[in-house]
Protein backbone atom coordinates (compact mmCIF):
# COMPACT_ATOMS: atom_id res chain seq x y z
CA MET A 1 -50.36 94.13 -54.55
CA TRP A 2 -47.03 93.19 -55.50
CA LEU A 3 -46.40 91.31 -52.25
CA TRP A 4 -49.86 89.06 -52.97
CA ALA A 5 -48.45 88.34 -56.41
CA ILE A 6 -44.80 87.43 -55.34
CA VAL A 7 -46.66 85.13 -52.45
CA VAL A 8 -48.65 83.24 -55.26
CA ALA A 9 -45.89 82.94 -57.25
CA ILE A 10 -43.86 81.43 -54.61
CA PHE A 11 -46.58 78.89 -53.80
CA ALA A 12 -47.01 77.84 -57.60
CA LEU A 13 -43.07 77.28 -57.51
CA ILE A 14 -43.55 75.12 -54.39
CA CYS A 15 -46.31 73.09 -55.96
CA LEU A 16 -44.02 72.68 -59.02
CA SER A 17 -40.99 71.47 -56.58
CA ALA A 18 -43.43 68.88 -55.09
CA PHE A 19 -44.70 67.72 -58.48
CA PHE A 20 -40.91 67.07 -59.39
CA SER A 21 -39.79 65.29 -56.50
CA GLY A 22 -42.89 62.97 -56.30
CA SER A 23 -42.56 62.18 -59.79
CA GLU A 24 -38.65 61.60 -59.18
CA THR A 25 -40.08 58.88 -56.39
CA ALA A 26 -42.74 57.39 -58.36
CA LEU A 27 -41.11 56.55 -61.57
CA THR A 28 -38.02 55.34 -59.78
CA ALA A 29 -40.19 53.29 -57.64
CA SER A 30 -42.75 52.01 -59.83
CA SER A 31 -42.86 48.22 -60.84
CA ARG A 32 -41.38 47.59 -64.19
CA ALA A 33 -43.14 44.42 -64.48
CA ARG A 34 -46.52 46.20 -63.75
CA MET A 35 -45.92 49.01 -66.59
CA HIS A 36 -45.00 46.23 -68.95
CA GLN A 37 -48.13 44.14 -68.26
CA LEU A 38 -50.31 47.84 -68.35
CA GLU A 39 -48.84 48.87 -71.76
CA LYS A 40 -49.62 45.36 -73.41
CA ALA A 41 -53.25 46.05 -72.00
CA GLY A 42 -52.94 49.19 -74.13
CA ASP A 43 -52.36 51.68 -71.53
CA LYS A 44 -50.33 54.54 -73.38
CA ARG A 45 -49.43 56.25 -70.08
CA ALA A 46 -47.55 53.24 -69.10
CA GLY A 47 -45.91 52.91 -72.17
CA THR A 48 -44.80 56.36 -71.40
CA VAL A 49 -43.50 55.33 -68.36
CA ASN A 50 -41.59 52.47 -69.71
CA ARG A 51 -39.97 54.61 -72.28
CA LEU A 52 -38.92 57.40 -69.65
CA LEU A 53 -37.20 54.48 -67.50
CA THR A 54 -35.31 53.33 -70.28
CA ALA A 55 -33.68 56.59 -70.19
CA LYS A 56 -33.19 56.75 -66.25
CA GLU A 57 -30.62 58.69 -66.27
CA ARG A 58 -31.74 61.51 -68.36
CA LEU A 59 -35.05 61.09 -66.49
CA ILE A 60 -33.23 61.82 -63.16
CA GLY A 61 -31.48 64.81 -64.71
CA ALA A 62 -34.24 66.54 -65.96
CA LEU A 63 -36.32 66.17 -62.87
CA LEU A 64 -33.54 67.40 -60.62
CA PHE A 65 -32.75 70.08 -62.85
CA GLY A 66 -36.30 71.28 -62.73
CA ASN A 67 -36.59 70.76 -58.81
CA ASN A 68 -33.39 72.65 -58.21
CA LEU A 69 -34.47 75.48 -60.56
CA VAL A 70 -37.89 76.36 -59.14
CA ASN A 71 -36.73 75.78 -55.37
CA ILE A 72 -33.80 78.38 -55.88
CA PHE A 73 -36.24 81.03 -57.64
CA ALA A 74 -38.77 80.54 -54.52
CA SER A 75 -35.98 80.95 -52.31
CA ALA A 76 -34.81 84.29 -54.11
CA LEU A 77 -38.39 85.37 -54.47
CA ALA A 78 -38.95 84.85 -50.86
CA THR A 79 -35.48 86.42 -49.77
CA SER A 80 -36.40 89.51 -51.54
CA VAL A 81 -39.84 89.83 -49.83
CA PHE A 82 -38.31 89.44 -45.99
CA ILE A 83 -35.49 91.83 -46.92
CA GLN A 84 -38.42 94.33 -47.95
CA LEU A 85 -40.36 93.60 -44.62
CA PHE A 86 -37.50 93.39 -42.36
CA GLY A 87 -34.33 94.68 -43.64
CA GLU A 88 -31.12 92.41 -43.31
CA ALA A 89 -32.64 90.47 -40.90
CA GLY A 90 -35.04 88.96 -43.88
CA VAL A 91 -32.59 86.68 -45.11
CA ALA A 92 -32.52 84.36 -42.08
CA TYR A 93 -35.99 84.68 -41.97
CA ALA A 94 -36.54 83.62 -45.27
CA THR A 95 -33.84 80.61 -44.81
CA LEU A 96 -35.87 79.51 -41.91
CA VAL A 97 -39.52 79.71 -43.74
CA MET A 98 -38.31 78.33 -47.07
CA THR A 99 -36.47 75.70 -45.37
CA PHE A 100 -39.89 74.43 -43.46
CA LEU A 101 -42.09 74.83 -46.71
CA VAL A 102 -40.03 72.82 -48.98
CA LEU A 103 -39.08 70.28 -46.74
CA VAL A 104 -42.40 69.58 -45.77
CA PHE A 105 -44.29 70.33 -48.75
CA ALA A 106 -42.19 69.92 -51.64
CA GLU A 107 -40.10 67.00 -50.37
CA VAL A 108 -41.59 64.87 -47.55
CA LEU A 109 -45.10 65.27 -48.36
CA PRO A 110 -45.03 64.25 -52.18
CA LYS A 111 -42.60 61.66 -51.44
CA THR A 112 -44.45 59.96 -48.91
CA TRP A 113 -47.61 60.03 -51.09
CA ALA A 114 -45.62 58.84 -54.26
CA LEU A 115 -44.31 55.68 -52.34
CA ALA A 116 -47.80 55.19 -51.13
CA VAL A 117 -49.22 54.55 -54.66
CA PRO A 118 -45.70 54.48 -57.02
CA ASP A 119 -47.35 52.92 -60.14
CA ARG A 120 -50.80 55.23 -60.13
CA PHE A 121 -48.67 58.29 -59.29
CA ALA A 122 -46.01 57.45 -61.99
CA ILE A 123 -49.04 56.55 -64.49
CA THR A 124 -50.72 59.97 -63.90
CA VAL A 125 -47.51 62.27 -64.21
CA ALA A 126 -45.90 60.54 -66.91
CA PRO A 127 -47.15 62.83 -69.55
CA LEU A 128 -46.10 65.93 -67.95
CA VAL A 129 -42.73 64.45 -67.11
CA ARG A 130 -42.13 63.47 -70.70
CA LEU A 131 -42.77 67.21 -71.47
CA ALA A 132 -40.14 68.27 -68.96
CA VAL A 133 -37.70 65.75 -69.88
CA THR A 134 -38.19 67.31 -73.69
CA VAL A 135 -37.64 71.03 -72.38
CA PHE A 136 -34.53 70.35 -70.02
CA GLY A 137 -33.19 67.67 -72.31
CA PRO A 138 -30.41 69.95 -74.07
CA PHE A 139 -29.25 71.61 -70.51
CA VAL A 140 -29.35 68.30 -69.10
CA VAL A 141 -26.86 66.61 -71.50
CA PHE A 142 -24.61 69.42 -71.14
CA VAL A 143 -24.64 68.81 -67.54
CA GLU A 144 -23.68 65.15 -68.37
CA TRP A 145 -20.85 65.74 -70.52
CA ILE A 146 -19.65 68.43 -67.70
CA VAL A 147 -19.92 65.56 -64.70
CA ARG A 148 -18.44 62.64 -66.87
CA ALA A 149 -15.44 65.13 -67.75
CA ILE A 150 -14.94 65.51 -63.90
CA LEU A 151 -15.04 62.02 -63.20
CA ARG A 152 -12.60 61.15 -65.82
CA VAL A 153 -10.22 63.89 -64.62
CA VAL A 154 -10.00 62.39 -60.85
CA GLY A 155 -9.97 58.82 -62.57
CA ALA A 156 -13.58 57.54 -61.51
CA GLY A 157 -15.70 55.54 -63.96
CA THR A 158 -19.21 55.71 -64.60
CA ASP A 159 -19.66 52.31 -66.24
CA ALA A 160 -20.81 49.97 -63.44
CA ASP A 161 -19.37 46.90 -63.84
CA ASP A 162 -21.01 45.18 -60.53
CA LEU A 163 -24.54 45.36 -61.89
CA VAL A 164 -26.81 42.90 -60.52
CA SER A 165 -28.41 40.33 -63.17
CA ALA A 166 -31.66 40.22 -63.43
CA HIS A 167 -31.99 36.61 -61.81
CA ASP A 168 -30.25 38.16 -58.70
CA GLU A 169 -32.72 40.81 -58.63
CA ILE A 170 -35.39 38.82 -59.05
CA ARG A 171 -34.01 36.06 -56.45
CA GLY A 172 -33.68 38.89 -54.12
CA ALA A 173 -36.82 40.37 -54.53
CA VAL A 174 -38.21 36.93 -53.59
CA ASP A 175 -35.96 36.33 -50.70
CA LEU A 176 -37.30 40.01 -49.47
CA LEU A 177 -40.98 38.97 -49.95
CA HIS A 178 -40.27 35.57 -48.39
CA ARG A 179 -38.89 37.28 -44.97
CA GLU A 180 -41.96 39.58 -45.05
CA GLY A 181 -43.89 36.90 -45.04
CA SER A 182 -45.62 37.64 -48.78
CA VAL A 183 -44.35 34.44 -50.54
CA ARG A 184 -44.14 31.22 -48.74
CA LYS A 185 -40.92 28.94 -48.46
CA GLY A 186 -42.51 26.43 -50.96
CA ASP A 187 -42.85 28.84 -53.53
CA ARG A 188 -39.34 30.87 -52.64
CA ASP A 189 -37.72 27.50 -53.45
CA MET A 190 -39.64 26.78 -56.68
CA LEU A 191 -38.62 30.47 -58.30
CA GLY A 192 -35.05 29.62 -57.03
CA GLY A 193 -34.87 26.29 -58.53
CA LEU A 194 -35.99 27.65 -61.66
CA LEU A 195 -33.68 30.59 -61.91
CA ASP A 196 -30.64 28.17 -61.00
CA LEU A 197 -31.52 26.12 -63.90
CA SER A 198 -28.97 27.82 -65.96
CA ALA A 199 -26.12 28.13 -63.18
CA LEU A 200 -26.09 24.65 -62.23
CA ASP A 201 -24.42 21.49 -64.31
CA VAL A 202 -25.75 18.06 -64.79
CA SER A 203 -23.08 16.84 -62.47
CA ASP A 204 -24.37 18.46 -59.86
CA ILE A 205 -27.86 16.54 -59.73
CA MET A 206 -26.91 13.62 -61.67
CA VAL A 207 -27.13 10.11 -59.95
CA HIS A 208 -23.26 8.75 -59.68
CA ARG A 209 -22.16 5.40 -61.50
CA THR A 210 -21.52 4.06 -57.97
CA ASN A 211 -25.43 4.41 -57.06
CA MET A 212 -26.87 3.75 -60.42
CA GLN A 213 -28.74 0.42 -60.81
CA ALA A 214 -28.06 -0.98 -64.54
CA LEU A 215 -28.38 -4.61 -65.66
CA ASN A 216 -26.02 -7.14 -67.40
CA ALA A 217 -26.83 -7.58 -70.97
CA ASP A 218 -25.03 -10.78 -71.27
CA ASP A 219 -27.22 -12.52 -68.14
CA PRO A 220 -29.88 -14.97 -69.15
CA THR A 221 -32.97 -13.02 -70.29
CA ASP A 222 -35.17 -14.42 -67.24
CA LYS A 223 -32.84 -13.11 -64.89
CA ILE A 224 -33.05 -9.57 -66.57
CA VAL A 225 -36.72 -9.67 -66.58
CA GLU A 226 -36.85 -10.53 -63.08
CA ALA A 227 -34.48 -7.89 -62.13
CA ALA A 228 -36.49 -5.03 -64.07
CA MET A 229 -39.81 -6.20 -62.57
CA ALA A 230 -38.16 -6.13 -58.98
CA SER A 231 -36.72 -2.76 -59.96
CA PRO A 232 -38.25 0.91 -58.81
CA TYR A 233 -37.06 2.22 -62.07
CA THR A 234 -38.89 2.23 -65.41
CA ARG A 235 -35.49 2.75 -67.30
CA LEU A 236 -32.18 0.87 -66.61
CA PRO A 237 -29.28 0.98 -68.24
CA LEU A 238 -27.67 -2.17 -69.98
CA TRP A 239 -23.91 -3.11 -69.70
CA ARG A 240 -21.64 -5.71 -71.54
CA GLY A 241 -18.29 -6.50 -70.25
CA GLU A 242 -18.04 -3.95 -67.56
CA PRO A 243 -20.30 -1.65 -65.85
CA GLU A 244 -18.94 1.42 -67.76
CA ASN A 245 -19.56 -0.13 -70.85
CA ILE A 246 -23.43 0.86 -71.28
CA VAL A 247 -24.79 -0.66 -74.53
CA GLY A 248 -28.62 0.27 -73.91
CA VAL A 249 -31.34 1.52 -72.21
CA LEU A 250 -34.30 -0.92 -71.37
CA HIS A 251 -37.54 0.56 -70.45
CA ALA A 252 -39.93 -1.41 -68.73
CA LYS A 253 -43.19 -0.89 -70.93
CA ASP A 254 -41.02 -1.92 -74.14
CA LEU A 255 -40.13 -5.45 -71.96
CA LEU A 256 -43.54 -5.74 -71.22
CA ARG A 257 -44.78 -5.35 -74.72
CA ALA A 258 -42.24 -7.88 -75.73
CA LEU A 259 -43.40 -10.67 -73.35
CA ALA A 260 -46.74 -9.87 -74.21
CA ALA A 261 -45.53 -10.74 -78.02
CA ALA A 262 -43.76 -13.76 -76.69
CA GLY A 263 -46.60 -15.37 -74.99
CA GLY A 264 -44.86 -14.51 -71.53
CA LYS A 265 -41.92 -17.06 -72.41
CA ALA A 266 -38.71 -14.60 -71.66
CA ASP A 267 -36.43 -17.15 -73.26
CA LYS A 268 -37.71 -15.83 -76.76
CA ILE A 269 -36.93 -12.24 -76.18
CA LYS A 270 -33.78 -10.92 -77.19
CA ILE A 271 -33.10 -7.83 -75.00
CA MET A 272 -30.60 -5.98 -76.93
CA GLN A 273 -33.44 -5.70 -79.63
CA VAL A 274 -36.17 -4.42 -76.91
CA ALA A 275 -33.38 -1.85 -75.60
CA ALA A 276 -33.00 1.76 -77.02
CA GLU A 277 -29.71 3.16 -77.68
CA PRO A 278 -28.15 4.97 -74.99
CA TRP A 279 -27.77 8.93 -75.20
CA PHE A 280 -24.46 10.23 -73.72
CA VAL A 281 -24.46 13.90 -72.72
CA PRO A 282 -21.48 16.00 -71.24
CA ASP A 283 -21.91 16.42 -67.30
CA THR A 284 -20.93 19.81 -67.81
CA THR A 285 -24.21 20.82 -69.71
CA THR A 286 -26.22 23.28 -68.01
CA LEU A 287 -29.80 22.18 -66.56
CA GLN A 288 -31.22 24.43 -68.82
CA ALA A 289 -29.60 23.23 -71.87
CA GLN A 290 -30.57 19.73 -70.85
CA LEU A 291 -34.28 20.18 -69.96
CA ASN A 292 -34.40 22.11 -73.38
CA GLU A 293 -32.94 18.86 -74.81
CA PHE A 294 -35.16 16.51 -72.88
CA LEU A 295 -38.29 18.68 -74.49
CA ARG A 296 -36.81 18.94 -78.03
CA ARG A 297 -35.96 14.92 -78.27
CA LYS A 298 -38.97 14.00 -75.87
CA ALA A 299 -36.65 12.03 -73.90
CA HIS A 300 -36.42 11.43 -69.92
CA PHE A 301 -33.16 9.70 -69.62
CA ALA A 302 -29.70 10.49 -70.53
CA LEU A 303 -26.01 9.17 -69.29
CA THR A 304 -23.50 11.52 -68.48
CA VAL A 305 -19.94 11.50 -69.34
CA ASP A 306 -16.87 13.54 -68.64
CA GLU A 307 -14.27 14.92 -70.52
CA TYR A 308 -12.71 11.45 -71.71
CA GLY A 309 -15.78 9.79 -72.22
CA GLU A 310 -16.17 7.66 -69.11
CA VAL A 311 -19.55 7.42 -68.13
CA MET A 312 -20.12 9.33 -65.01
CA GLY A 313 -23.60 8.62 -64.13
CA LEU A 314 -27.41 9.49 -65.09
CA VAL A 315 -29.45 12.14 -65.19
CA THR A 316 -33.55 12.10 -65.78
CA LEU A 317 -36.31 14.65 -66.82
CA GLU A 318 -37.55 14.11 -63.02
CA ASP A 319 -34.17 15.15 -61.65
CA ILE A 320 -34.44 18.26 -63.19
CA LEU A 321 -38.21 18.97 -62.50
CA GLU A 322 -37.21 18.30 -58.53
CA GLU A 323 -34.67 20.86 -58.78
CA ILE A 324 -37.62 23.21 -59.34
CA VAL A 325 -40.73 21.99 -57.42
CA GLY A 326 -38.71 19.49 -55.21
CA ASP A 327 -38.95 15.55 -54.48
CA ILE A 328 -41.43 14.02 -56.70
CA ALA A 329 -42.46 10.86 -55.02
CA ASP A 330 -44.66 8.11 -56.38
CA GLU A 331 -46.29 4.86 -55.00
CA HIS A 332 -42.97 3.07 -56.22
CA ASP A 333 -40.28 5.17 -54.68
CA VAL A 334 -38.05 3.90 -52.07
CA ASP A 335 -38.60 6.21 -49.24
CA ILE A 336 -34.85 7.05 -48.18
CA GLN A 337 -34.56 10.28 -47.43
CA GLY A 338 -31.10 10.11 -45.94
CA VAL A 339 -31.89 12.68 -43.28
CA GLU A 340 -32.92 11.91 -39.46
CA GLN A 341 -34.03 14.99 -37.72
CA GLN A 342 -32.62 14.91 -34.10
CA ALA A 343 -34.17 16.36 -30.98
CA ASP A 344 -31.67 18.74 -30.21
CA GLY A 345 -31.79 20.46 -33.46
CA SER A 346 -29.04 18.39 -35.11
CA ILE A 347 -29.47 16.22 -38.13
CA ILE A 348 -27.87 12.57 -38.58
CA VAL A 349 -27.33 12.82 -42.47
CA ASP A 350 -25.79 10.22 -45.25
CA GLY A 351 -22.68 11.64 -46.74
CA THR A 352 -24.29 11.37 -50.47
CA VAL A 353 -27.16 13.93 -49.71
CA PRO A 354 -26.85 16.74 -51.76
CA ILE A 355 -26.31 20.05 -49.96
CA ARG A 356 -28.82 21.81 -52.23
CA ASP A 357 -31.25 19.47 -50.88
CA LEU A 358 -30.35 20.04 -47.23
CA ASN A 359 -30.41 23.81 -47.83
CA ARG A 360 -34.30 23.61 -49.21
CA ALA A 361 -35.47 21.30 -46.86
CA LEU A 362 -33.87 22.89 -43.64
CA ASP A 363 -33.67 26.58 -45.15
CA TRP A 364 -29.76 26.44 -44.71
CA SER A 365 -27.27 28.16 -46.70
CA LEU A 366 -24.41 26.27 -46.97
CA PRO A 367 -22.00 26.65 -49.74
CA ASP A 368 -22.25 24.30 -52.79
CA ASP A 369 -19.93 26.05 -54.86
CA GLU A 370 -16.88 23.24 -54.70
CA ALA A 371 -18.82 20.55 -53.67
CA THR A 372 -22.21 18.71 -54.43
CA THR A 373 -22.56 16.74 -51.40
CA ILE A 374 -22.35 17.15 -47.95
CA ALA A 375 -19.48 14.81 -47.48
CA GLY A 376 -17.56 16.47 -50.15
CA LEU A 377 -18.21 20.10 -48.63
CA VAL A 378 -16.57 18.51 -45.35
CA ILE A 379 -13.64 16.87 -47.37
CA HIS A 380 -13.18 20.44 -49.14
CA GLU A 381 -13.08 22.39 -46.01
CA ALA A 382 -11.22 20.01 -44.01
CA ARG A 383 -8.43 19.55 -46.76
CA THR A 384 -7.96 16.30 -45.94
CA ILE A 385 -9.99 12.96 -45.72
CA PRO A 386 -11.38 13.04 -42.23
CA GLU A 387 -11.18 9.97 -39.87
CA GLN A 388 -14.31 8.81 -37.75
CA GLY A 389 -15.49 10.82 -35.06
CA GLN A 390 -13.71 13.85 -36.24
CA GLU A 391 -15.44 16.89 -35.70
CA PHE A 392 -15.09 20.49 -37.75
CA THR A 393 -16.91 23.89 -37.63
CA PHE A 394 -17.15 26.05 -40.16
CA HIS A 395 -19.56 27.96 -41.98
CA ARG A 396 -21.65 28.33 -38.49
CA PHE A 397 -22.29 24.75 -38.68
CA ARG A 398 -20.56 21.82 -36.60
CA PHE A 399 -19.73 18.44 -38.58
CA LYS A 400 -19.18 14.99 -36.96
CA VAL A 401 -17.94 12.33 -39.08
CA LEU A 402 -20.06 9.38 -37.97
CA ARG A 403 -19.02 6.53 -40.25
CA LYS A 404 -16.72 5.90 -42.59
CA VAL A 405 -16.13 3.39 -45.37
CA ARG A 406 -12.51 3.11 -46.95
CA ASN A 407 -11.81 6.78 -47.70
CA GLN A 408 -15.78 7.76 -48.16
CA ILE A 409 -17.70 9.56 -45.50
CA THR A 410 -21.13 7.57 -45.37
CA GLN A 411 -22.90 9.46 -42.53
CA LEU A 412 -22.21 12.71 -40.28
CA ARG A 413 -24.10 14.77 -37.66
CA VAL A 414 -24.64 18.27 -38.47
CA ALA A 415 -25.86 21.15 -35.96
CA PRO A 416 -26.09 24.50 -36.78
CA LEU A 417 -23.96 26.70 -33.91
CA ARG A 418 -26.33 28.62 -31.78
CA VAL A 419 -25.13 32.10 -30.84
CA PRO A 420 -25.97 32.18 -27.17
CA ARG A 421 -28.04 34.88 -26.17
CA PRO A 422 -27.04 38.00 -23.88
CA ILE A 423 -27.82 37.59 -20.42
CA PRO A 424 -30.19 40.80 -19.45
CA THR A 425 -28.37 43.08 -16.77
CA GLY A 426 -30.74 44.88 -14.84
CA PRO A 427 -31.44 46.14 -11.28
CA ALA A 428 -31.05 43.44 -8.56
CA GLU A 429 -34.15 42.53 -6.88
CA GLY A 430 -34.45 42.43 -3.15
């Protein structure tokens, strides 16, 4: 009779061990975002899961404590039974049998089940796990104190300085899902662009002053009107004296209203009365902050200045939105991409094309920390201003300078390096 009672006790302990193992796997693998949504929908057990995960170290400690306790107790009972039945050889028999039972029924089986349905499993076991954490809590605190004391003695800290930020975690999850085929490239790029807003400055996406289209405010009004009507842009900076001295911003719609009020006679319009005040922002402003300012001021256009107050370029709301959704083209945009795909897999690219645009369009991973444009990257890596025809290899790409104007690289050929496939070796035929 006593034998069957011990067998039943061992079976119960293995079931408890399976509970602790499966709970640990399910709770650590469950989706925090999913649990948060379920808690907001009124699921109290999801709220319990979230509270348990906020003290993950205490949770894991309690589950490990309970798991080891029942496993050791079950092994001790099994050993006593086998010694009674087989004498000293029973120790070896007990070790073999308990290793098999614990491995299959208390570890692999519950953990596999928990990994298959982690959210459902976690919600189901959450109330019982909370009870276990409450019961084993004092013991876990004592164990944590001992562990921390030992780590301090050996000089190992417990504070993680290299924890992955929430943005990096989301980005990593999205990239993983993209490689698995669950997330399309366009969706991945959009989410990546949204996450990059706080990491990029206005200077990374602005239209440089050398590429700005601006009008001279001292020109005759009919000439300004003609130039504004011929421009593909709605807002045009006005300068006076020198191009860097921006005195206003002319909006095409305001100009049309003024023309209508003047009966179509351009000479009756005073341009500076039609133009709006220019808005200057530091070129070190993050895209997230600039987007918030655009929304707050209900504005679409700003001029960027450096630390000395010199005009460096301009940035628009559309520029920031394009960092999220990709290029936004309308019927008036000039369709010049600056990138021409070649049959051999290389590209002919203008030196002013941003590295981020190439990475997004071609799914490349060229670094953009030290340079914004592809020409800037070549100059940075070459540590000199290359001559026309020079070739460089870095970051697993081959760069060739095709055209250069004074000290400016205007066109390059870029080709990803192909790793040669190993030639299969096998038995010779014939």
